[in-house]
Amino acid sequence: IVGRRREEYFRVKLQESQSQTGIKVSLAA
């Protein structure tokens, strides 16, 4: 979509997403 790989950004964001408990707010389709 954006034309470049943003691995570090997603590494941090996905780590935050996985550390949350309860109802998840990061989703996949």
PDB file of all heavy atoms in Angstrom:
ATOM      1  N   ILE A   1       0.827  -1.211   0.000  1.00  0.00           N
ATOM      2  CA  ILE A   1       0.000   0.000   0.000  1.00  0.00           C
ATOM      3  C   ILE A   1       0.864   1.265   0.000  1.00  0.00           C
ATOM      4  O   ILE A   1       0.630   2.180  -0.786  1.00  0.00           O
ATOM      5  CB  ILE A   1      -0.953  -0.005   1.216  1.00  0.00           C
ATOM      6  CG1 ILE A   1      -1.966  -1.155   1.088  1.00  0.00           C
ATOM      7  CG2 ILE A   1      -1.680   1.334   1.345  1.00  0.00           C
ATOM      8  CD1 ILE A   1      -2.745  -1.436   2.367  1.00  0.00           C
ATOM      9  N   VAL A   2       1.864   1.328   0.900  1.00  0.00           N
ATOM     10  CA  VAL A   2       2.641   2.571   1.067  1.00  0.00           C
ATOM     11  C   VAL A   2       3.935   2.597   0.262  1.00  0.00           C
ATOM     12  O   VAL A   2       4.567   3.644   0.160  1.00  0.00           O
ATOM     13  CB  VAL A   2       2.937   2.882   2.551  1.00  0.00           C
ATOM     14  CG1 VAL A   2       1.663   3.007   3.347  1.00  0.00           C
ATOM     15  CG2 VAL A   2       3.869   1.868   3.165  1.00  0.00           C
ATOM     16  N   GLY A   3       4.362   1.468  -0.274  1.00  0.00           N
ATOM     17  CA  GLY A   3       5.531   1.454  -1.136  1.00  0.00           C
ATOM     18  C   GLY A   3       6.857   1.207  -0.438  1.00  0.00           C
ATOM     19  O   GLY A   3       7.909   1.307  -1.071  1.00  0.00           O
ATOM     20  N   ARG A   4       6.844   0.903   0.853  1.00  0.00           N
ATOM     21  CA  ARG A   4       8.071   0.561   1.575  1.00  0.00           C
ATOM     22  C   ARG A   4       7.720  -0.290   2.788  1.00  0.00           C
ATOM     23  O   ARG A   4       6.607  -0.243   3.278  1.00  0.00           O
ATOM     24  CB  ARG A   4       8.840   1.803   2.004  1.00  0.00           C
ATOM     25  CG  ARG A   4       8.114   2.687   2.979  1.00  0.00           C
ATOM     26  CD  ARG A   4       8.911   3.976   3.252  1.00  0.00           C
ATOM     27  NE  ARG A   4       8.133   4.898   4.034  1.00  0.00           N
ATOM     28  CZ  ARG A   4       8.078   4.924   5.361  1.00  0.00           C
ATOM     29  NH1 ARG A   4       8.786   4.055   6.067  1.00  0.00           N
ATOM     30  NH2 ARG A   4       7.344   5.802   5.994  1.00  0.00           N
ATOM     31  N   ARG A   5       8.716  -1.043   3.246  1.00  0.00           N
ATOM     32  CA  ARG A   5       8.511  -1.917   4.408  1.00  0.00           C
ATOM     33  C   ARG A   5       8.758  -1.127   5.690  1.00  0.00           C
ATOM     34  O   ARG A   5       9.778  -0.463   5.818  1.00  0.00           O
ATOM     35  CB  ARG A   5       9.433  -3.131   4.340  1.00  0.00           C
ATOM     36  CG  ARG A   5       9.066  -4.079   3.210  1.00  0.00           C
ATOM     37  CD  ARG A   5      10.001  -5.262   3.134  1.00  0.00           C
ATOM     38  NE  ARG A   5       9.952  -6.141   4.284  1.00  0.00           N
ATOM     39  CZ  ARG A   5       9.040  -7.103   4.487  1.00  0.00           C
ATOM     40  NH1 ARG A   5       8.090  -7.293   3.599  1.00  0.00           N
ATOM     41  NH2 ARG A   5       9.097  -7.859   5.551  1.00  0.00           N
ATOM     42  N   ARG A   6       7.819  -1.240   6.635  1.00  0.00           N
ATOM     43  CA  ARG A   6       7.937  -0.534   7.920  1.00  0.00           C
ATOM     44  C   ARG A   6       7.991  -1.572   9.045  1.00  0.00           C
ATOM     45  O   ARG A   6       7.133  -1.616   9.910  1.00  0.00           O
ATOM     46  CB  ARG A   6       6.757   0.418   8.111  1.00  0.00           C
ATOM     47  CG  ARG A   6       6.654   1.452   7.003  1.00  0.00           C
ATOM     48  CD  ARG A   6       5.618   2.502   7.285  1.00  0.00           C
ATOM     49  NE  ARG A   6       4.264   1.961   7.331  1.00  0.00           N
ATOM     50  CZ  ARG A   6       3.211   2.645   7.810  1.00  0.00           C
ATOM     51  NH1 ARG A   6       3.363   3.860   8.284  1.00  0.00           N
ATOM     52  NH2 ARG A   6       2.014   2.091   7.815  1.00  0.00           N
ATOM     53  N   GLU A   7       9.027  -2.392   9.023  1.00  0.00           N
ATOM     54  CA  GLU A   7       9.129  -3.510   9.958  1.00  0.00           C
ATOM     55  C   GLU A   7       9.202  -3.071  11.418  1.00  0.00           C
ATOM     56  O   GLU A   7       8.531  -3.640  12.269  1.00  0.00           O
ATOM     57  CB  GLU A   7      10.328  -4.388   9.605  1.00  0.00           C
ATOM     58  CG  GLU A   7      10.112  -5.139   8.313  1.00  0.00           C
ATOM     59  CD  GLU A   7      11.243  -6.081   7.981  1.00  0.00           C
ATOM     60  OE1 GLU A   7      11.831  -6.654   8.915  1.00  0.00           O
ATOM     61  OE2 GLU A   7      11.519  -6.252   6.774  1.00  0.00           O
ATOM     62  N   GLU A   8      10.019  -2.074  11.720  1.00  0.00           N
ATOM     63  CA  GLU A   8      10.168  -1.664  13.119  1.00  0.00           C
ATOM     64  C   GLU A   8       8.869  -1.073  13.657  1.00  0.00           C
ATOM     65  O   GLU A   8       8.474  -1.347  14.787  1.00  0.00           O
ATOM     66  CB  GLU A   8      11.329  -0.674  13.284  1.00  0.00           C
ATOM     67  CG  GLU A   8      11.674  -0.396  14.731  1.00  0.00           C
ATOM     68  CD  GLU A   8      12.023  -1.653  15.537  1.00  0.00           C
ATOM     69  OE1 GLU A   8      12.566  -2.620  14.974  1.00  0.00           O
ATOM     70  OE2 GLU A   8      11.724  -1.672  16.757  1.00  0.00           O
ATOM     71  N   TYR A   9       8.202  -0.260  12.858  1.00  0.00           N
ATOM     72  CA  TYR A   9       6.917   0.313  13.270  1.00  0.00           C
ATOM     73  C   TYR A   9       5.939  -0.800  13.644  1.00  0.00           C
ATOM     74  O   TYR A   9       5.326  -0.775  14.707  1.00  0.00           O
ATOM     75  CB  TYR A   9       6.336   1.170  12.133  1.00  0.00           C
ATOM     76  CG  TYR A   9       4.903   1.593  12.356  1.00  0.00           C
ATOM     77  CD1 TYR A   9       4.591   2.633  13.226  1.00  0.00           C
ATOM     78  CD2 TYR A   9       3.858   0.945  11.685  1.00  0.00           C
ATOM     79  CE1 TYR A   9       3.275   3.029  13.431  1.00  0.00           C
ATOM     80  CE2 TYR A   9       2.544   1.341  11.886  1.00  0.00           C
ATOM     81  CZ  TYR A   9       2.263   2.375  12.756  1.00  0.00           C
ATOM     82  OH  TYR A   9       0.954   2.754  12.963  1.00  0.00           O
ATOM     83  N   PHE A  10       5.817  -1.794  12.785  1.00  0.00           N
ATOM     84  CA  PHE A  10       4.867  -2.870  13.050  1.00  0.00           C
ATOM     85  C   PHE A  10       5.345  -3.817  14.147  1.00  0.00           C
ATOM     86  O   PHE A  10       4.529  -4.374  14.871  1.00  0.00           O
ATOM     87  CB  PHE A  10       4.516  -3.620  11.767  1.00  0.00           C
ATOM     88  CG  PHE A  10       3.584  -2.840  10.897  1.00  0.00           C
ATOM     89  CD1 PHE A  10       4.018  -2.284   9.706  1.00  0.00           C
ATOM     90  CD2 PHE A  10       2.268  -2.617  11.287  1.00  0.00           C
ATOM     91  CE1 PHE A  10       3.166  -1.534   8.919  1.00  0.00           C
ATOM     92  CE2 PHE A  10       1.410  -1.870  10.514  1.00  0.00           C
ATOM     93  CZ  PHE A  10       1.858  -1.328   9.329  1.00  0.00           C
ATOM     94  N   ARG A  11       6.632  -3.971  14.294  1.00  0.00           N
ATOM     95  CA  ARG A  11       7.144  -4.803  15.389  1.00  0.00           C
ATOM     96  C   ARG A  11       6.666  -4.209  16.718  1.00  0.00           C
ATOM     97  O   ARG A  11       6.143  -4.903  17.580  1.00  0.00           O
ATOM     98  CB  ARG A  11       8.664  -4.882  15.352  1.00  0.00           C
ATOM     99  CG  ARG A  11       9.258  -5.859  16.355  1.00  0.00           C
ATOM    100  CD  ARG A  11      10.763  -5.996  16.235  1.00  0.00           C
ATOM    101  NE  ARG A  11      11.331  -5.889  14.898  1.00  0.00           N
ATOM    102  CZ  ARG A  11      11.324  -6.851  13.971  1.00  0.00           C
ATOM    103  NH1 ARG A  11      10.764  -8.009  14.240  1.00  0.00           N
ATOM    104  NH2 ARG A  11      11.856  -6.657  12.785  1.00  0.00           N
ATOM    105  N   VAL A  12       6.811  -2.897  16.889  1.00  0.00           N
ATOM    106  CA  VAL A  12       6.383  -2.212  18.117  1.00  0.00           C
ATOM    107  C   VAL A  12       4.865  -2.264  18.260  1.00  0.00           C
ATOM    108  O   VAL A  12       4.332  -2.606  19.321  1.00  0.00           O
ATOM    109  CB  VAL A  12       6.892  -0.756  18.132  1.00  0.00           C
ATOM    110  CG1 VAL A  12       6.259   0.035  19.263  1.00  0.00           C
ATOM    111  CG2 VAL A  12       8.405  -0.725  18.224  1.00  0.00           C
ATOM    112  N   LYS A  13       4.146  -1.931  17.200  1.00  0.00           N
ATOM    113  CA  LYS A  13       2.685  -1.880  17.265  1.00  0.00           C
ATOM    114  C   LYS A  13       2.082  -3.256  17.536  1.00  0.00           C
ATOM    115  O   LYS A  13       1.134  -3.383  18.323  1.00  0.00           O
ATOM    116  CB  LYS A  13       2.099  -1.305  15.969  1.00  0.00           C
ATOM    117  CG  LYS A  13       2.360   0.165  15.790  1.00  0.00           C
ATOM    118  CD  LYS A  13       1.682   0.957  16.883  1.00  0.00           C
ATOM    119  CE  LYS A  13       1.957   2.423  16.758  1.00  0.00           C
ATOM    120  NZ  LYS A  13       1.392   3.171  17.883  1.00  0.00           N
ATOM    121  N   LEU A  14       2.600  -4.275  16.900  1.00  0.00           N
ATOM    122  CA  LEU A  14       2.056  -5.612  17.115  1.00  0.00           C
ATOM    123  C   LEU A  14       2.417  -6.132  18.505  1.00  0.00           C
ATOM    124  O   LEU A  14       1.631  -6.838  19.126  1.00  0.00           O
ATOM    125  CB  LEU A  14       2.522  -6.570  16.020  1.00  0.00           C
ATOM    126  CG  LEU A  14       1.918  -6.294  14.650  1.00  0.00           C
ATOM    127  CD1 LEU A  14       2.580  -7.161  13.582  1.00  0.00           C
ATOM    128  CD2 LEU A  14       0.422  -6.508  14.646  1.00  0.00           C
ATOM    129  N   GLN A  15       3.576  -5.757  18.991  1.00  0.00           N
ATOM    130  CA  GLN A  15       3.955  -6.147  20.351  1.00  0.00           C
ATOM    131  C   GLN A  15       2.995  -5.503  21.359  1.00  0.00           C
ATOM    132  O   GLN A  15       2.534  -6.156  22.289  1.00  0.00           O
ATOM    133  CB  GLN A  15       5.389  -5.712  20.621  1.00  0.00           C
ATOM    134  CG  GLN A  15       6.099  -6.486  21.685  1.00  0.00           C
ATOM    135  CD  GLN A  15       7.592  -6.187  21.659  1.00  0.00           C
ATOM    136  OE1 GLN A  15       8.013  -5.076  21.352  1.00  0.00           O
ATOM    137  NE2 GLN A  15       8.389  -7.194  21.977  1.00  0.00           N
ATOM    138  N   GLU A  16       2.693  -4.214  21.181  1.00  0.00           N
ATOM    139  CA  GLU A  16       1.721  -3.533  22.038  1.00  0.00           C
ATOM    140  C   GLU A  16       0.366  -4.224  21.954  1.00  0.00           C
ATOM    141  O   GLU A  16      -0.295  -4.457  22.960  1.00  0.00           O
ATOM    142  CB  GLU A  16       1.549  -2.070  21.613  1.00  0.00           C
ATOM    143  CG  GLU A  16       2.695  -1.175  21.949  1.00  0.00           C
ATOM    144  CD  GLU A  16       2.517   0.229  21.378  1.00  0.00           C
ATOM    145  OE1 GLU A  16       1.482   0.501  20.729  1.00  0.00           O
ATOM    146  OE2 GLU A  16       3.413   1.059  21.581  1.00  0.00           O
ATOM    147  N   SER A  17      -0.028  -4.556  20.750  1.00  0.00           N
ATOM    148  CA  SER A  17      -1.324  -5.192  20.524  1.00  0.00           C
ATOM    149  C   SER A  17      -1.426  -6.529  21.242  1.00  0.00           C
ATOM    150  O   SER A  17      -2.453  -6.855  21.833  1.00  0.00           O
ATOM    151  CB  SER A  17      -1.539  -5.394  19.022  1.00  0.00           C
ATOM    152  OG  SER A  17      -2.606  -6.260  18.778  1.00  0.00           O
ATOM    153  N   GLN A  18      -0.358  -7.301  21.205  1.00  0.00           N
ATOM    154  CA  GLN A  18      -0.379  -8.629  21.807  1.00  0.00           C
ATOM    155  C   GLN A  18      -0.286  -8.588  23.327  1.00  0.00           C
ATOM    156  O   GLN A  18      -0.695  -9.524  24.002  1.00  0.00           O
ATOM    157  CB  GLN A  18       0.750  -9.487  21.239  1.00  0.00           C
ATOM    158  CG  GLN A  18       0.661  -9.702  19.740  1.00  0.00           C
ATOM    159  CD  GLN A  18      -0.686 -10.242  19.294  1.00  0.00           C
ATOM    160  OE1 GLN A  18      -1.189 -11.209  19.847  1.00  0.00           O
ATOM    161  NE2 GLN A  18      -1.282  -9.613  18.295  1.00  0.00           N
ATOM    162  N   SER A  19       0.232  -7.495  23.878  1.00  0.00           N
ATOM    163  CA  SER A  19       0.373  -7.415  25.331  1.00  0.00           C
ATOM    164  C   SER A  19      -0.902  -6.951  26.013  1.00  0.00           C
ATOM    165  O   SER A  19      -1.020  -7.048  27.225  1.00  0.00           O
ATOM    166  CB  SER A  19       1.537  -6.489  25.702  1.00  0.00           C
ATOM    167  OG  SER A  19       1.234  -5.163  25.349  1.00  0.00           O
ATOM    168  N   GLN A  20      -1.875  -6.451  25.250  1.00  0.00           N
ATOM    169  CA  GLN A  20      -3.136  -6.026  25.839  1.00  0.00           C
ATOM    170  C   GLN A  20      -3.935  -7.247  26.252  1.00  0.00           C
ATOM    171  O   GLN A  20      -3.886  -8.296  25.625  1.00  0.00           O
ATOM    172  CB  GLN A  20      -3.953  -5.210  24.837  1.00  0.00           C
ATOM    173  CG  GLN A  20      -3.289  -3.913  24.446  1.00  0.00           C
ATOM    174  CD  GLN A  20      -4.015  -3.219  23.314  1.00  0.00           C
ATOM    175  OE1 GLN A  20      -4.886  -3.799  22.679  1.00  0.00           O
ATOM    176  NE2 GLN A  20      -3.655  -1.985  23.063  1.00  0.00           N
ATOM    177  N   THR A  21      -4.699  -7.100  27.341  1.00  0.00           N
ATOM    178  CA  THR A  21      -5.552  -8.188  27.792  1.00  0.00           C
ATOM    179  C   THR A  21      -7.006  -7.823  27.534  1.00  0.00           C
ATOM    180  O   THR A  21      -7.329  -6.692  27.208  1.00  0.00           O
ATOM    181  CB  THR A  21      -5.350  -8.449  29.293  1.00  0.00           C
ATOM    182  OG1 THR A  21      -5.644  -7.238  30.002  1.00  0.00           O
ATOM    183  CG2 THR A  21      -3.934  -8.891  29.589  1.00  0.00           C
ATOM    184  N   GLY A  22      -7.883  -8.765  27.702  1.00  0.00           N
ATOM    185  CA  GLY A  22      -9.315  -8.505  27.519  1.00  0.00           C
ATOM    186  C   GLY A  22      -9.691  -8.496  26.054  1.00  0.00           C
ATOM    187  O   GLY A  22      -9.128  -9.205  25.232  1.00  0.00           O
ATOM    188  N   ILE A  23     -10.647  -7.650  25.708  1.00  0.00           N
ATOM    189  CA  ILE A  23     -11.136  -7.556  24.336  1.00  0.00           C
ATOM    190  C   ILE A  23     -10.059  -6.930  23.469  1.00  0.00           C
ATOM    191  O   ILE A  23      -9.505  -5.893  23.793  1.00  0.00           O
ATOM    192  CB  ILE A  23     -12.425  -6.720  24.280  1.00  0.00           C
ATOM    193  CG1 ILE A  23     -13.521  -7.416  25.095  1.00  0.00           C
ATOM    194  CG2 ILE A  23     -12.870  -6.509  22.848  1.00  0.00           C
ATOM    195  CD1 ILE A  23     -14.793  -6.638  25.198  1.00  0.00           C
ATOM    196  N   LYS A  24      -9.744  -7.570  22.377  1.00  0.00           N
ATOM    197  CA  LYS A  24      -8.695  -7.091  21.481  1.00  0.00           C
ATOM    198  C   LYS A  24      -9.235  -5.982  20.588  1.00  0.00           C
ATOM    199  O   LYS A  24     -10.385  -6.018  20.169  1.00  0.00           O
ATOM    200  CB  LYS A  24      -8.168  -8.226  20.610  1.00  0.00           C
ATOM    201  CG  LYS A  24      -7.577  -9.372  21.402  1.00  0.00           C
ATOM    202  CD  LYS A  24      -6.376  -8.944  22.196  1.00  0.00           C
ATOM    203  CE  LYS A  24      -5.775 -10.120  22.929  1.00  0.00           C
ATOM    204  NZ  LYS A  24      -4.699  -9.744  23.804  1.00  0.00           N
ATOM    205  N   VAL A  25      -8.369  -5.007  20.316  1.00  0.00           N
ATOM    206  CA  VAL A  25      -8.789  -3.926  19.435  1.00  0.00           C
ATOM    207  C   VAL A  25      -7.963  -3.864  18.155  1.00  0.00           C
ATOM    208  O   VAL A  25      -8.206  -3.008  17.328  1.00  0.00           O
ATOM    209  CB  VAL A  25      -8.786  -2.555  20.165  1.00  0.00           C
ATOM    210  CG1 VAL A  25      -9.857  -2.513  21.232  1.00  0.00           C
ATOM    211  CG2 VAL A  25      -7.436  -2.237  20.752  1.00  0.00           C
ATOM    212  N   SER A  26      -7.011  -4.754  17.985  1.00  0.00           N
ATOM    213  CA  SER A  26      -6.293  -4.862  16.719  1.00  0.00           C
ATOM    214  C   SER A  26      -6.778  -6.123  16.032  1.00  0.00           C
ATOM    215  O   SER A  26      -6.825  -7.190  16.635  1.00  0.00           O
ATOM    216  CB  SER A  26      -4.783  -4.891  16.945  1.00  0.00           C
ATOM    217  OG  SER A  26      -4.342  -3.634  17.397  1.00  0.00           O
ATOM    218  N   LEU A  27      -7.153  -5.973  14.776  1.00  0.00           N
ATOM    219  CA  LEU A  27      -7.888  -7.031  14.092  1.00  0.00           C
ATOM    220  C   LEU A  27      -7.304  -7.359  12.724  1.00  0.00           C
ATOM    221  O   LEU A  27      -6.612  -6.543  12.124  1.00  0.00           O
ATOM    222  CB  LEU A  27      -9.351  -6.591  13.906  1.00  0.00           C
ATOM    223  CG  LEU A  27     -10.104  -6.200  15.178  1.00  0.00           C
ATOM    224  CD1 LEU A  27     -11.418  -5.503  14.824  1.00  0.00           C
ATOM    225  CD2 LEU A  27     -10.355  -7.422  16.040  1.00  0.00           C
ATOM    226  N   ALA A  28      -7.630  -8.546  12.239  1.00  0.00           N
ATOM    227  CA  ALA A  28      -7.260  -8.987  10.898  1.00  0.00           C
ATOM    228  C   ALA A  28      -8.527  -9.430  10.172  1.00  0.00           C
ATOM    229  O   ALA A  28      -9.500  -9.840  10.802  1.00  0.00           O
ATOM    230  CB  ALA A  28      -6.282 -10.157  10.970  1.00  0.00           C
ATOM    231  N   ALA A  29      -8.486  -9.335   8.855  1.00  0.00           N
ATOM    232  CA  ALA A  29      -9.604  -9.807   8.034  1.00  0.00           C
ATOM    233  C   ALA A  29      -9.086 -10.818   7.022  1.00  0.00           C
ATOM    234  O   ALA A  29      -7.998 -10.658   6.462  1.00  0.00           O
ATOM    235  CB  ALA A  29     -10.273  -8.640   7.308  1.00  0.00           C
TER     236      ALA A  29
END
